[in-house]
């Protein structure tokens, strides 16, 4: 049995003895020191430099360790160094991975309801996205994920843009004949309706696909457009600053099996710090929406912004394709969409 498995076994065995300690102040954290792993696909940085999603994981880990007086410690595995990107959600459900910051829609093939995390045109701004958490749609989504073995620790939304190699992708008509990465099944449906061929792969594989010409354009978050240096293989950028029909839910999540095995005091610390990270995430995401434009201009790319009329053109395609398809999948999907449309 390796060290990771031994630690996990000790964590589960300690639960019964540890839970009562939550009643005794600082003693809640006695004799329960555990090492938890956080996995993500983004480049590694530090607490103060680099991709904000990596920084968020590091800030979260440091603060939880502080509040639990060292009872909980974390190892950060950046760049999919622990496991492949698309296996993280499933691994958390099984208790084989502790935490991950990953686009929720990547789990769409496994749990259909998660596709709402990147539903084109459904979330028009950071304000509306943030409002999901305590609204009906957020409560429904939380329930679905809990039933699937997942706890949302931090609610994180990111606007996205489009990097393209040769010609810009701004209006739906521009997509015709292009090979495009949309980032979710639903976004791919919209692109197909507009006449594009779709490419499916995680954001950390976009650079190579564009470099070889296997892909003409890629939709991804502003932060990923920066972190994966796509300006090196792009001549055009459509930004997500101001207006966007591409908003992605990319939460920090935890395995419910691992979460439930912790004393309540440690659970409370995790959730409190997770909530505090949300303001940092919004501020950083919005800063990247502006920074990406500056970076691409400096690299010699032409930059385009969307206005409300253009966003509504994309949204109209989404309503008759992706939204309808999602709602038809199940009663739960229909309820989620109806609740989310109140913010669209």
C-alpha atoms as a PDB file:
ATOM      1  CA  UNK A   1       0.000   0.000   0.000  1.00  0.00           C
ATOM      2  CA  UNK A   2       1.515   3.373  -0.986  1.00  0.00           C
ATOM      3  CA  UNK A   3       1.721   6.440   1.265  1.00  0.00           C
ATOM      4  CA  UNK A   4      -1.268   8.118  -0.391  1.00  0.00           C
ATOM      5  CA  UNK A   5      -3.502   5.082   0.206  1.00  0.00           C
ATOM      6  CA  UNK A   6      -2.220   4.688   3.752  1.00  0.00           C
ATOM      7  CA  UNK A   7      -3.046   8.318   4.526  1.00  0.00           C
ATOM      8  CA  UNK A   8      -6.502   7.944   3.042  1.00  0.00           C
ATOM      9  CA  UNK A   9      -7.157   4.806   5.094  1.00  0.00           C
ATOM     10  CA  UNK A  10      -6.021   6.546   8.277  1.00  0.00           C
ATOM     11  CA  UNK A  11      -8.246   9.527   7.413  1.00  0.00           C
ATOM     12  CA  UNK A  12     -11.344   7.362   7.165  1.00  0.00           C
ATOM     13  CA  UNK A  13     -10.458   5.351  10.279  1.00  0.00           C
ATOM     14  CA  UNK A  14      -9.963   8.548  12.289  1.00  0.00           C
ATOM     15  CA  UNK A  15     -13.421   9.917  11.555  1.00  0.00           C
ATOM     16  CA  UNK A  16     -15.333   8.332  14.411  1.00  0.00           C
ATOM     17  CA  UNK A  17     -12.817   9.479  16.982  1.00  0.00           C
ATOM     18  CA  UNK A  18     -12.247  12.916  15.465  1.00  0.00           C
ATOM     19  CA  UNK A  19     -15.811  14.188  15.072  1.00  0.00           C
ATOM     20  CA  UNK A  20     -16.519  14.696  18.800  1.00  0.00           C
ATOM     21  CA  UNK A  21     -13.427  16.881  19.044  1.00  0.00           C
ATOM     22  CA  UNK A  22     -15.261  19.559  17.056  1.00  0.00           C
ATOM     23  CA  UNK A  23     -17.013  20.498  20.298  1.00  0.00           C
ATOM     24  CA  UNK A  24     -13.876  21.577  22.117  1.00  0.00           C
ATOM     25  CA  UNK A  25     -12.494  24.708  20.468  1.00  0.00           C
ATOM     26  CA  UNK A  26      -8.863  24.385  19.379  1.00  0.00           C
ATOM     27  CA  UNK A  27      -8.873  20.739  20.441  1.00  0.00           C
ATOM     28  CA  UNK A  28     -11.077  20.072  17.390  1.00  0.00           C
ATOM     29  CA  UNK A  29      -7.896  19.698  15.383  1.00  0.00           C
ATOM     30  CA  UNK A  30      -5.940  17.438  17.711  1.00  0.00           C
ATOM     31  CA  UNK A  31      -4.428  14.233  16.315  1.00  0.00           C
ATOM     32  CA  UNK A  32      -6.108  14.560  12.912  1.00  0.00           C
ATOM     33  CA  UNK A  33      -3.268  15.856  10.719  1.00  0.00           C
ATOM     34  CA  UNK A  34      -3.947  14.814   7.123  1.00  0.00           C
ATOM     35  CA  UNK A  35      -2.425  15.463   3.738  1.00  0.00           C
ATOM     36  CA  UNK A  36      -4.925  16.268   0.989  1.00  0.00           C
ATOM     37  CA  UNK A  37      -4.187  16.565  -2.724  1.00  0.00           C
ATOM     38  CA  UNK A  38      -5.491  19.359  -4.982  1.00  0.00           C
ATOM     39  CA  UNK A  39      -5.231  18.689  -8.718  1.00  0.00           C
ATOM     40  CA  UNK A  40      -5.715  21.079 -11.639  1.00  0.00           C
ATOM     41  CA  UNK A  41      -4.672  21.435 -15.281  1.00  0.00           C
ATOM     42  CA  UNK A  42      -3.159  24.919 -15.175  1.00  0.00           C
ATOM     43  CA  UNK A  43       0.477  26.053 -15.058  1.00  0.00           C
ATOM     44  CA  UNK A  44       2.121  26.111 -11.641  1.00  0.00           C
ATOM     45  CA  UNK A  45       2.884  29.422 -10.002  1.00  0.00           C
ATOM     46  CA  UNK A  46       3.223  30.858  -6.510  1.00  0.00           C
ATOM     47  CA  UNK A  47       0.940  32.525  -3.980  1.00  0.00           C
ATOM     48  CA  UNK A  48       1.466  35.860  -5.718  1.00  0.00           C
ATOM     49  CA  UNK A  49       2.431  35.095  -9.331  1.00  0.00           C
ATOM     50  CA  UNK A  50       0.954  33.089 -12.193  1.00  0.00           C
ATOM     51  CA  UNK A  51      -2.437  31.714 -13.232  1.00  0.00           C
ATOM     52  CA  UNK A  52      -4.962  32.881 -10.653  1.00  0.00           C
ATOM     53  CA  UNK A  53      -6.546  29.431 -10.434  1.00  0.00           C
ATOM     54  CA  UNK A  54      -3.267  27.942  -9.266  1.00  0.00           C
ATOM     55  CA  UNK A  55      -2.789  30.881  -6.905  1.00  0.00           C
ATOM     56  CA  UNK A  56      -6.315  30.376  -5.546  1.00  0.00           C
ATOM     57  CA  UNK A  57      -5.541  26.744  -4.738  1.00  0.00           C
ATOM     58  CA  UNK A  58      -2.364  27.781  -2.943  1.00  0.00           C
ATOM     59  CA  UNK A  59      -4.086  30.580  -1.010  1.00  0.00           C
ATOM     60  CA  UNK A  60      -6.898  28.228  -0.058  1.00  0.00           C
ATOM     61  CA  UNK A  61      -4.461  25.562   1.122  1.00  0.00           C
ATOM     62  CA  UNK A  62      -2.379  27.996   3.185  1.00  0.00           C
ATOM     63  CA  UNK A  63      -5.395  29.539   4.892  1.00  0.00           C
ATOM     64  CA  UNK A  64      -7.100  26.229   5.698  1.00  0.00           C
ATOM     65  CA  UNK A  65      -3.854  24.883   7.130  1.00  0.00           C
ATOM     66  CA  UNK A  66      -3.588  28.014   9.269  1.00  0.00           C
ATOM     67  CA  UNK A  67      -7.152  27.820  10.536  1.00  0.00           C
ATOM     68  CA  UNK A  68      -6.931  24.132  11.352  1.00  0.00           C
ATOM     69  CA  UNK A  69      -3.618  24.692  13.139  1.00  0.00           C
ATOM     70  CA  UNK A  70      -1.874  22.357  10.719  1.00  0.00           C
ATOM     71  CA  UNK A  71      -4.383  19.535  11.058  1.00  0.00           C
ATOM     72  CA  UNK A  72      -5.073  19.790   7.329  1.00  0.00           C
ATOM     73  CA  UNK A  73      -2.184  20.148   4.908  1.00  0.00           C
ATOM     74  CA  UNK A  74      -2.307  20.185   1.126  1.00  0.00           C
ATOM     75  CA  UNK A  75      -0.189  19.268  -1.869  1.00  0.00           C
ATOM     76  CA  UNK A  76      -0.905  21.161  -5.109  1.00  0.00           C
ATOM     77  CA  UNK A  77      -0.511  19.234  -8.364  1.00  0.00           C
ATOM     78  CA  UNK A  78      -0.547  21.715 -11.250  1.00  0.00           C
ATOM     79  CA  UNK A  79      -0.485  21.017 -14.979  1.00  0.00           C
ATOM     80  CA  UNK A  80      -2.382  17.703 -14.685  1.00  0.00           C
ATOM     81  CA  UNK A  81       0.735  16.259 -13.087  1.00  0.00           C
ATOM     82  CA  UNK A  82      -1.213  13.998 -10.730  1.00  0.00           C
ATOM     83  CA  UNK A  83      -3.763  12.666 -13.210  1.00  0.00           C
ATOM     84  CA  UNK A  84      -5.237  13.475 -16.601  1.00  0.00           C
ATOM     85  CA  UNK A  85      -7.569  16.465 -16.728  1.00  0.00           C
ATOM     86  CA  UNK A  86     -10.698  14.592 -17.758  1.00  0.00           C
ATOM     87  CA  UNK A  87     -10.361  11.972 -15.016  1.00  0.00           C
ATOM     88  CA  UNK A  88     -10.423  14.401 -12.084  1.00  0.00           C
ATOM     89  CA  UNK A  89     -14.188  14.662 -11.595  1.00  0.00           C
ATOM     90  CA  UNK A  90     -14.685  10.907 -11.663  1.00  0.00           C
ATOM     91  CA  UNK A  91     -11.749  10.407  -9.289  1.00  0.00           C
ATOM     92  CA  UNK A  92     -13.294  12.800  -6.763  1.00  0.00           C
ATOM     93  CA  UNK A  93     -16.624  10.970  -6.964  1.00  0.00           C
ATOM     94  CA  UNK A  94     -14.847   7.731  -6.071  1.00  0.00           C
ATOM     95  CA  UNK A  95     -12.809   9.284  -3.269  1.00  0.00           C
ATOM     96  CA  UNK A  96      -9.584   8.687  -5.209  1.00  0.00           C
ATOM     97  CA  UNK A  97      -8.858  12.442  -5.466  1.00  0.00           C
ATOM     98  CA  UNK A  98      -9.435  14.920  -2.662  1.00  0.00           C
ATOM     99  CA  UNK A  99      -9.942  18.254  -4.440  1.00  0.00           C
ATOM    100  CA  UNK A 100      -9.789  19.704  -7.939  1.00  0.00           C
ATOM    101  CA  UNK A 101     -10.320  23.051  -9.623  1.00  0.00           C
ATOM    102  CA  UNK A 102     -11.731  22.017 -12.991  1.00  0.00           C
ATOM    103  CA  UNK A 103     -14.382  23.227 -15.460  1.00  0.00           C
ATOM    104  CA  UNK A 104     -17.618  21.571 -14.371  1.00  0.00           C
ATOM    105  CA  UNK A 105     -18.705  20.974 -17.956  1.00  0.00           C
ATOM    106  CA  UNK A 106     -15.782  18.577 -18.446  1.00  0.00           C
ATOM    107  CA  UNK A 107     -17.945  16.083 -16.524  1.00  0.00           C
ATOM    108  CA  UNK A 108     -20.828  16.440 -18.985  1.00  0.00           C
ATOM    109  CA  UNK A 109     -20.400  12.967 -20.438  1.00  0.00           C
ATOM    110  CA  UNK A 110     -20.621  11.455 -16.965  1.00  0.00           C
ATOM    111  CA  UNK A 111     -23.259  13.695 -15.348  1.00  0.00           C
ATOM    112  CA  UNK A 112     -25.436  15.463 -17.930  1.00  0.00           C
ATOM    113  CA  UNK A 113     -26.532  18.179 -15.503  1.00  0.00           C
ATOM    114  CA  UNK A 114     -22.976  19.523 -15.255  1.00  0.00           C
ATOM    115  CA  UNK A 115     -23.163  20.813 -18.825  1.00  0.00           C
ATOM    116  CA  UNK A 116     -25.042  23.802 -17.468  1.00  0.00           C
ATOM    117  CA  UNK A 117     -21.642  25.035 -16.298  1.00  0.00           C
ATOM    118  CA  UNK A 118     -20.801  26.157 -19.826  1.00  0.00           C
ATOM    119  CA  UNK A 119     -24.161  26.814 -21.446  1.00  0.00           C
ATOM    120  CA  UNK A 120     -23.671  29.449 -24.178  1.00  0.00           C
ATOM    121  CA  UNK A 121     -25.531  32.679 -23.567  1.00  0.00           C
ATOM    122  CA  UNK A 122     -27.050  31.554 -20.276  1.00  0.00           C
ATOM    123  CA  UNK A 123     -24.786  33.585 -17.987  1.00  0.00           C
ATOM    124  CA  UNK A 124     -24.306  37.112 -19.362  1.00  0.00           C
ATOM    125  CA  UNK A 125     -22.133  38.609 -16.600  1.00  0.00           C
ATOM    126  CA  UNK A 126     -20.127  37.922 -13.463  1.00  0.00           C
ATOM    127  CA  UNK A 127     -22.905  39.450 -11.369  1.00  0.00           C
ATOM    128  CA  UNK A 128     -25.500  37.010 -12.670  1.00  0.00           C
ATOM    129  CA  UNK A 129     -23.110  34.087 -12.338  1.00  0.00           C
ATOM    130  CA  UNK A 130     -22.337  34.939  -8.717  1.00  0.00           C
ATOM    131  CA  UNK A 131     -26.056  35.183  -7.996  1.00  0.00           C
ATOM    132  CA  UNK A 132     -26.506  31.507  -8.880  1.00  0.00           C
ATOM    133  CA  UNK A 133     -24.937  30.274  -5.641  1.00  0.00           C
ATOM    134  CA  UNK A 134     -27.760  31.264  -3.289  1.00  0.00           C
ATOM    135  CA  UNK A 135     -30.558  31.179  -5.835  1.00  0.00           C
ATOM    136  CA  UNK A 136     -32.759  28.244  -6.830  1.00  0.00           C
ATOM    137  CA  UNK A 137     -30.414  27.192  -9.639  1.00  0.00           C
ATOM    138  CA  UNK A 138     -27.438  27.068  -7.280  1.00  0.00           C
ATOM    139  CA  UNK A 139     -29.315  25.044  -4.687  1.00  0.00           C
ATOM    140  CA  UNK A 140     -30.457  22.574  -7.333  1.00  0.00           C
ATOM    141  CA  UNK A 141     -26.958  22.232  -8.760  1.00  0.00           C
ATOM    142  CA  UNK A 142     -25.481  21.775  -5.283  1.00  0.00           C
ATOM    143  CA  UNK A 143     -27.988  19.012  -4.605  1.00  0.00           C
ATOM    144  CA  UNK A 144     -27.204  17.248  -7.892  1.00  0.00           C
ATOM    145  CA  UNK A 145     -23.476  17.360  -7.232  1.00  0.00           C
ATOM    146  CA  UNK A 146     -23.845  16.191  -3.636  1.00  0.00           C
ATOM    147  CA  UNK A 147     -25.827  13.206  -4.866  1.00  0.00           C
ATOM    148  CA  UNK A 148     -22.979  12.463  -7.283  1.00  0.00           C
ATOM    149  CA  UNK A 149     -20.373  12.623  -4.536  1.00  0.00           C
ATOM    150  CA  UNK A 150     -19.095  16.185  -5.054  1.00  0.00           C
ATOM    151  CA  UNK A 151     -18.983  19.229  -2.748  1.00  0.00           C
ATOM    152  CA  UNK A 152     -18.544  22.700  -4.293  1.00  0.00           C
ATOM    153  CA  UNK A 153     -16.045  24.583  -2.132  1.00  0.00           C
ATOM    154  CA  UNK A 154     -15.610  27.796  -4.180  1.00  0.00           C
ATOM    155  CA  UNK A 155     -18.014  29.109  -6.826  1.00  0.00           C
ATOM    156  CA  UNK A 156     -15.835  30.486  -9.627  1.00  0.00           C
ATOM    157  CA  UNK A 157     -17.000  31.966 -12.940  1.00  0.00           C
ATOM    158  CA  UNK A 158     -14.824  33.064 -15.837  1.00  0.00           C
ATOM    159  CA  UNK A 159     -15.628  34.920 -19.018  1.00  0.00           C
ATOM    160  CA  UNK A 160     -14.027  33.587 -22.157  1.00  0.00           C
ATOM    161  CA  UNK A 161     -12.786  34.694 -25.528  1.00  0.00           C
ATOM    162  CA  UNK A 162     -11.678  33.219 -28.827  1.00  0.00           C
ATOM    163  CA  UNK A 163      -8.152  32.937 -30.167  1.00  0.00           C
ATOM    164  CA  UNK A 164      -7.885  32.172 -33.881  1.00  0.00           C
ATOM    165  CA  UNK A 165      -4.987  31.420 -36.202  1.00  0.00           C
ATOM    166  CA  UNK A 166      -5.909  33.068 -39.490  1.00  0.00           C
ATOM    167  CA  UNK A 167      -9.340  34.715 -39.516  1.00  0.00           C
ATOM    168  CA  UNK A 168     -11.365  36.247 -36.663  1.00  0.00           C
ATOM    169  CA  UNK A 169     -14.375  34.529 -35.102  1.00  0.00           C
ATOM    170  CA  UNK A 170     -16.722  37.261 -33.917  1.00  0.00           C
ATOM    171  CA  UNK A 171     -20.136  36.732 -35.526  1.00  0.00           C
ATOM    172  CA  UNK A 172     -21.884  33.371 -36.001  1.00  0.00           C
ATOM    173  CA  UNK A 173     -21.337  33.664 -39.750  1.00  0.00           C
ATOM    174  CA  UNK A 174     -17.564  33.714 -39.193  1.00  0.00           C
ATOM    175  CA  UNK A 175     -17.650  30.140 -37.868  1.00  0.00           C
ATOM    176  CA  UNK A 176     -18.568  28.537 -41.169  1.00  0.00           C
ATOM    177  CA  UNK A 177     -15.871  26.093 -42.271  1.00  0.00           C
ATOM    178  CA  UNK A 178     -13.647  26.693 -39.226  1.00  0.00           C
ATOM    179  CA  UNK A 179     -12.318  23.964 -36.912  1.00  0.00           C
ATOM    180  CA  UNK A 180     -13.147  25.270 -33.447  1.00  0.00           C
ATOM    181  CA  UNK A 181     -12.814  24.137 -29.855  1.00  0.00           C
ATOM    182  CA  UNK A 182     -15.907  25.238 -27.919  1.00  0.00           C
ATOM    183  CA  UNK A 183     -15.156  23.788 -24.506  1.00  0.00           C
ATOM    184  CA  UNK A 184     -18.458  22.010 -23.867  1.00  0.00           C
ATOM    185  CA  UNK A 185     -20.958  19.808 -25.650  1.00  0.00           C
ATOM    186  CA  UNK A 186     -23.466  22.663 -25.633  1.00  0.00           C
ATOM    187  CA  UNK A 187     -21.039  25.205 -27.060  1.00  0.00           C
ATOM    188  CA  UNK A 188     -20.135  22.677 -29.735  1.00  0.00           C
ATOM    189  CA  UNK A 189     -23.817  22.408 -30.703  1.00  0.00           C
ATOM    190  CA  UNK A 190     -23.963  26.168 -31.237  1.00  0.00           C
ATOM    191  CA  UNK A 191     -20.786  26.110 -33.312  1.00  0.00           C
ATOM    192  CA  UNK A 192     -22.100  23.260 -35.468  1.00  0.00           C
ATOM    193  CA  UNK A 193     -25.309  25.184 -36.086  1.00  0.00           C
ATOM    194  CA  UNK A 194     -23.175  28.132 -37.195  1.00  0.00           C
ATOM    195  CA  UNK A 195     -21.316  25.888 -39.654  1.00  0.00           C
ATOM    196  CA  UNK A 196     -18.112  25.039 -37.791  1.00  0.00           C
ATOM    197  CA  UNK A 197     -16.420  21.689 -37.282  1.00  0.00           C
ATOM    198  CA  UNK A 198     -15.816  21.086 -33.590  1.00  0.00           C
ATOM    199  CA  UNK A 199     -12.694  19.861 -31.816  1.00  0.00           C
ATOM    200  CA  UNK A 200     -12.947  18.402 -28.306  1.00  0.00           C
ATOM    201  CA  UNK A 201      -9.969  18.615 -25.947  1.00  0.00           C
ATOM    202  CA  UNK A 202      -9.030  20.241 -22.620  1.00  0.00           C
ATOM    203  CA  UNK A 203      -7.599  23.746 -22.594  1.00  0.00           C
ATOM    204  CA  UNK A 204      -4.059  22.597 -21.816  1.00  0.00           C
ATOM    205  CA  UNK A 205      -3.947  20.838 -25.220  1.00  0.00           C
ATOM    206  CA  UNK A 206      -5.104  23.805 -27.326  1.00  0.00           C
ATOM    207  CA  UNK A 207      -1.645  25.219 -28.073  1.00  0.00           C
ATOM    208  CA  UNK A 208      -0.372  22.082 -29.795  1.00  0.00           C
ATOM    209  CA  UNK A 209      -3.552  21.697 -31.841  1.00  0.00           C
ATOM    210  CA  UNK A 210      -3.399  25.282 -33.073  1.00  0.00           C
ATOM    211  CA  UNK A 211       0.326  25.121 -33.686  1.00  0.00           C
ATOM    212  CA  UNK A 212      -0.070  22.132 -36.009  1.00  0.00           C
ATOM    213  CA  UNK A 213      -3.108  23.554 -37.792  1.00  0.00           C
ATOM    214  CA  UNK A 214      -5.425  20.842 -36.460  1.00  0.00           C
ATOM    215  CA  UNK A 215      -7.530  23.642 -35.011  1.00  0.00           C
ATOM    216  CA  UNK A 216      -8.376  27.079 -36.416  1.00  0.00           C
ATOM    217  CA  UNK A 217      -9.807  28.706 -33.299  1.00  0.00           C
ATOM    218  CA  UNK A 218     -10.378  27.970 -29.633  1.00  0.00           C
ATOM    219  CA  UNK A 219     -12.852  29.271 -27.095  1.00  0.00           C
ATOM    220  CA  UNK A 220     -11.509  29.304 -23.561  1.00  0.00           C
ATOM    221  CA  UNK A 221     -11.299  31.534 -20.504  1.00  0.00           C
ATOM    222  CA  UNK A 222      -9.314  34.750 -20.609  1.00  0.00           C
ATOM    223  CA  UNK A 223      -6.942  33.293 -18.017  1.00  0.00           C
ATOM    224  CA  UNK A 224      -6.252  30.223 -20.147  1.00  0.00           C
ATOM    225  CA  UNK A 225      -5.758  32.407 -23.226  1.00  0.00           C
ATOM    226  CA  UNK A 226      -2.926  33.994 -21.228  1.00  0.00           C
ATOM    227  CA  UNK A 227      -1.520  31.043 -19.305  1.00  0.00           C
ATOM    228  CA  UNK A 228      -1.244  28.729 -22.299  1.00  0.00           C
ATOM    229  CA  UNK A 229       0.443  31.472 -24.400  1.00  0.00           C
ATOM    230  CA  UNK A 230      -2.024  31.172 -27.258  1.00  0.00           C
ATOM    231  CA  UNK A 231      -0.973  34.606 -28.516  1.00  0.00           C
ATOM    232  CA  UNK A 232       2.068  32.807 -29.948  1.00  0.00           C
ATOM    233  CA  UNK A 233      -0.135  30.853 -32.366  1.00  0.00           C
ATOM    234  CA  UNK A 234      -2.943  33.387 -32.937  1.00  0.00           C
ATOM    235  CA  UNK A 235      -3.467  36.397 -35.165  1.00  0.00           C
ATOM    236  CA  UNK A 236      -6.915  37.340 -33.833  1.00  0.00           C
ATOM    237  CA  UNK A 237      -8.607  37.555 -30.437  1.00  0.00           C
ATOM    238  CA  UNK A 238     -12.264  38.071 -29.574  1.00  0.00           C
ATOM    239  CA  UNK A 239     -12.311  39.113 -25.928  1.00  0.00           C
ATOM    240  CA  UNK A 240     -14.712  38.368 -23.096  1.00  0.00           C
ATOM    241  CA  UNK A 241     -14.339  41.797 -21.506  1.00  0.00           C
ATOM    242  CA  UNK A 242     -17.538  43.762 -21.157  1.00  0.00           C
ATOM    243  CA  UNK A 243     -19.842  41.347 -22.998  1.00  0.00           C
ATOM    244  CA  UNK A 244     -19.634  37.624 -23.571  1.00  0.00           C
ATOM    245  CA  UNK A 245     -21.859  34.654 -24.373  1.00  0.00           C
ATOM    246  CA  UNK A 246     -19.147  32.301 -23.041  1.00  0.00           C
ATOM    247  CA  UNK A 247     -19.102  32.107 -19.237  1.00  0.00           C
ATOM    248  CA  UNK A 248     -17.643  29.028 -17.613  1.00  0.00           C
ATOM    249  CA  UNK A 249     -18.304  27.660 -14.138  1.00  0.00           C
ATOM    250  CA  UNK A 250     -14.943  26.396 -12.912  1.00  0.00           C
ATOM    251  CA  UNK A 251     -15.326  25.645  -9.204  1.00  0.00           C
ATOM    252  CA  UNK A 252     -12.957  24.317  -6.610  1.00  0.00           C
ATOM    253  CA  UNK A 253     -14.573  20.987  -5.703  1.00  0.00           C
ATOM    254  CA  UNK A 254     -13.966  18.273  -3.136  1.00  0.00           C
ATOM    255  CA  UNK A 255     -14.779  14.609  -2.899  1.00  0.00           C
ATOM    256  CA  UNK A 256     -17.835  14.281  -0.651  1.00  0.00           C
ATOM    257  CA  UNK A 257     -16.525  10.986   0.707  1.00  0.00           C
ATOM    258  CA  UNK A 258     -13.341  12.708   1.891  1.00  0.00           C
ATOM    259  CA  UNK A 259     -15.198  15.827   3.080  1.00  0.00           C
ATOM    260  CA  UNK A 260     -17.716  13.795   5.095  1.00  0.00           C
ATOM    261  CA  UNK A 261     -14.886  11.886   6.764  1.00  0.00           C
ATOM    262  CA  UNK A 262     -13.497  15.068   8.327  1.00  0.00           C
ATOM    263  CA  UNK A 263     -14.509  16.535  11.699  1.00  0.00           C
ATOM    264  CA  UNK A 264     -17.098  19.296  11.431  1.00  0.00           C
ATOM    265  CA  UNK A 265     -14.625  21.958  12.520  1.00  0.00           C
ATOM    266  CA  UNK A 266     -12.386  21.074   9.570  1.00  0.00           C
ATOM    267  CA  UNK A 267     -15.364  20.984   7.194  1.00  0.00           C
ATOM    268  CA  UNK A 268     -16.362  24.444   8.409  1.00  0.00           C
ATOM    269  CA  UNK A 269     -12.858  25.775   7.848  1.00  0.00           C
ATOM    270  CA  UNK A 270     -12.771  24.407   4.297  1.00  0.00           C
ATOM    271  CA  UNK A 271     -16.139  25.923   3.381  1.00  0.00           C
ATOM    272  CA  UNK A 272     -15.435  29.277   5.031  1.00  0.00           C
ATOM    273  CA  UNK A 273     -12.105  29.705   3.253  1.00  0.00           C
ATOM    274  CA  UNK A 274     -13.639  28.466  -0.005  1.00  0.00           C
ATOM    275  CA  UNK A 275     -16.261  31.191   0.169  1.00  0.00           C
ATOM    276  CA  UNK A 276     -13.655  33.834   0.938  1.00  0.00           C
ATOM    277  CA  UNK A 277     -11.721  32.846  -2.200  1.00  0.00           C
ATOM    278  CA  UNK A 278     -14.680  33.767  -4.433  1.00  0.00           C
ATOM    279  CA  UNK A 279     -14.046  37.514  -4.373  1.00  0.00           C
ATOM    280  CA  UNK A 280     -10.400  36.928  -5.232  1.00  0.00           C
ATOM    281  CA  UNK A 281     -11.539  34.757  -8.166  1.00  0.00           C
ATOM    282  CA  UNK A 282     -13.958  37.335  -9.596  1.00  0.00           C
ATOM    283  CA  UNK A 283     -11.456  40.171  -9.284  1.00  0.00           C
ATOM    284  CA  UNK A 284      -8.697  38.095 -10.884  1.00  0.00           C
ATOM    285  CA  UNK A 285     -10.917  36.814 -13.701  1.00  0.00           C
ATOM    286  CA  UNK A 286     -12.067  40.336 -14.586  1.00  0.00           C
ATOM    287  CA  UNK A 287      -8.491  41.603 -14.504  1.00  0.00           C
ATOM    288  CA  UNK A 288      -7.504  38.840 -16.930  1.00  0.00           C
ATOM    289  CA  UNK A 289     -10.349  39.813 -19.283  1.00  0.00           C
ATOM    290  CA  UNK A 290      -8.557  43.128 -19.756  1.00  0.00           C
ATOM    291  CA  UNK A 291      -5.007  41.800 -19.538  1.00  0.00           C
ATOM    292  CA  UNK A 292      -5.535  39.274 -22.323  1.00  0.00           C
ATOM    293  CA  UNK A 293      -6.388  42.035 -24.782  1.00  0.00           C
ATOM    294  CA  UNK A 294      -3.217  43.934 -23.906  1.00  0.00           C
ATOM    295  CA  UNK A 295      -1.073  40.797 -24.272  1.00  0.00           C
ATOM    296  CA  UNK A 296      -2.479  39.917 -27.701  1.00  0.00           C
ATOM    297  CA  UNK A 297      -2.128  43.468 -29.033  1.00  0.00           C
ATOM    298  CA  UNK A 298       1.502  43.469 -27.920  1.00  0.00           C
ATOM    299  CA  UNK A 299       1.995  40.161 -29.757  1.00  0.00           C
ATOM    300  CA  UNK A 300       0.641  41.723 -32.960  1.00  0.00           C
ATOM    301  CA  UNK A 301      -2.850  40.192 -32.949  1.00  0.00           C
ATOM    302  CA  UNK A 302      -6.011  42.084 -33.865  1.00  0.00           C
ATOM    303  CA  UNK A 303      -8.466  42.332 -30.970  1.00  0.00           C
ATOM    304  CA  UNK A 304     -12.270  42.474 -31.149  1.00  0.00           C
ATOM    305  CA  UNK A 305     -14.911  43.088 -28.476  1.00  0.00           C
ATOM    306  CA  UNK A 306     -18.547  41.943 -28.477  1.00  0.00           C
ATOM    307  CA  UNK A 307     -21.526  44.250 -28.118  1.00  0.00           C
ATOM    308  CA  UNK A 308     -24.931  43.301 -26.751  1.00  0.00           C
ATOM    309  CA  UNK A 309     -26.438  42.793 -30.195  1.00  0.00           C
ATOM    310  CA  UNK A 310     -23.726  40.292 -31.143  1.00  0.00           C
ATOM    311  CA  UNK A 311     -24.127  38.405 -27.860  1.00  0.00           C
ATOM    312  CA  UNK A 312     -27.867  38.130 -28.508  1.00  0.00           C
ATOM    313  CA  UNK A 313     -27.204  36.669 -31.970  1.00  0.00           C
ATOM    314  CA  UNK A 314     -25.208  33.866 -30.391  1.00  0.00           C
ATOM    315  CA  UNK A 315     -27.763  33.469 -27.620  1.00  0.00           C
ATOM    316  CA  UNK A 316     -30.574  33.052 -30.154  1.00  0.00           C
ATOM    317  CA  UNK A 317     -28.744  30.088 -31.706  1.00  0.00           C
ATOM    318  CA  UNK A 318     -28.125  28.638 -28.246  1.00  0.00           C
ATOM    319  CA  UNK A 319     -31.821  28.817 -27.279  1.00  0.00           C
ATOM    320  CA  UNK A 320     -32.952  26.673 -30.176  1.00  0.00           C
ATOM    321  CA  UNK A 321     -30.083  24.190 -30.000  1.00  0.00           C
ATOM    322  CA  UNK A 322     -28.111  23.776 -26.772  1.00  0.00           C
ATOM    323  CA  UNK A 323     -30.726  25.046 -24.339  1.00  0.00           C
ATOM    324  CA  UNK A 324     -33.476  22.918 -25.837  1.00  0.00           C
ATOM    325  CA  UNK A 325     -31.274  19.823 -26.005  1.00  0.00           C
ATOM    326  CA  UNK A 326     -30.221  20.241 -22.368  1.00  0.00           C
ATOM    327  CA  UNK A 327     -33.765  20.707 -21.097  1.00  0.00           C
ATOM    328  CA  UNK A 328     -34.926  17.620 -22.990  1.00  0.00           C
ATOM    329  CA  UNK A 329     -32.336  15.384 -21.295  1.00  0.00           C
ATOM    330  CA  UNK A 330     -34.130  14.995 -17.983  1.00  0.00           C
ATOM    331  CA  UNK A 331     -36.570  16.607 -15.597  1.00  0.00           C
ATOM    332  CA  UNK A 332     -33.642  17.778 -13.477  1.00  0.00           C
ATOM    333  CA  UNK A 333     -31.931  19.399 -16.462  1.00  0.00           C
ATOM    334  CA  UNK A 334     -35.175  21.168 -17.350  1.00  0.00           C
ATOM    335  CA  UNK A 335     -35.516  22.496 -13.801  1.00  0.00           C
ATOM    336  CA  UNK A 336     -31.921  23.712 -13.778  1.00  0.00           C
ATOM    337  CA  UNK A 337     -32.340  25.545 -17.069  1.00  0.00           C
ATOM    338  CA  UNK A 338     -35.621  27.148 -16.045  1.00  0.00           C
ATOM    339  CA  UNK A 339     -34.078  28.389 -12.806  1.00  0.00           C
ATOM    340  CA  UNK A 340     -30.969  29.683 -14.611  1.00  0.00           C
ATOM    341  CA  UNK A 341     -32.974  31.504 -17.296  1.00  0.00           C
ATOM    342  CA  UNK A 342     -34.173  33.926 -14.630  1.00  0.00           C
ATOM    343  CA  UNK A 343     -30.692  35.451 -14.785  1.00  0.00           C
ATOM    344  CA  UNK A 344     -30.166  35.328 -18.566  1.00  0.00           C
END
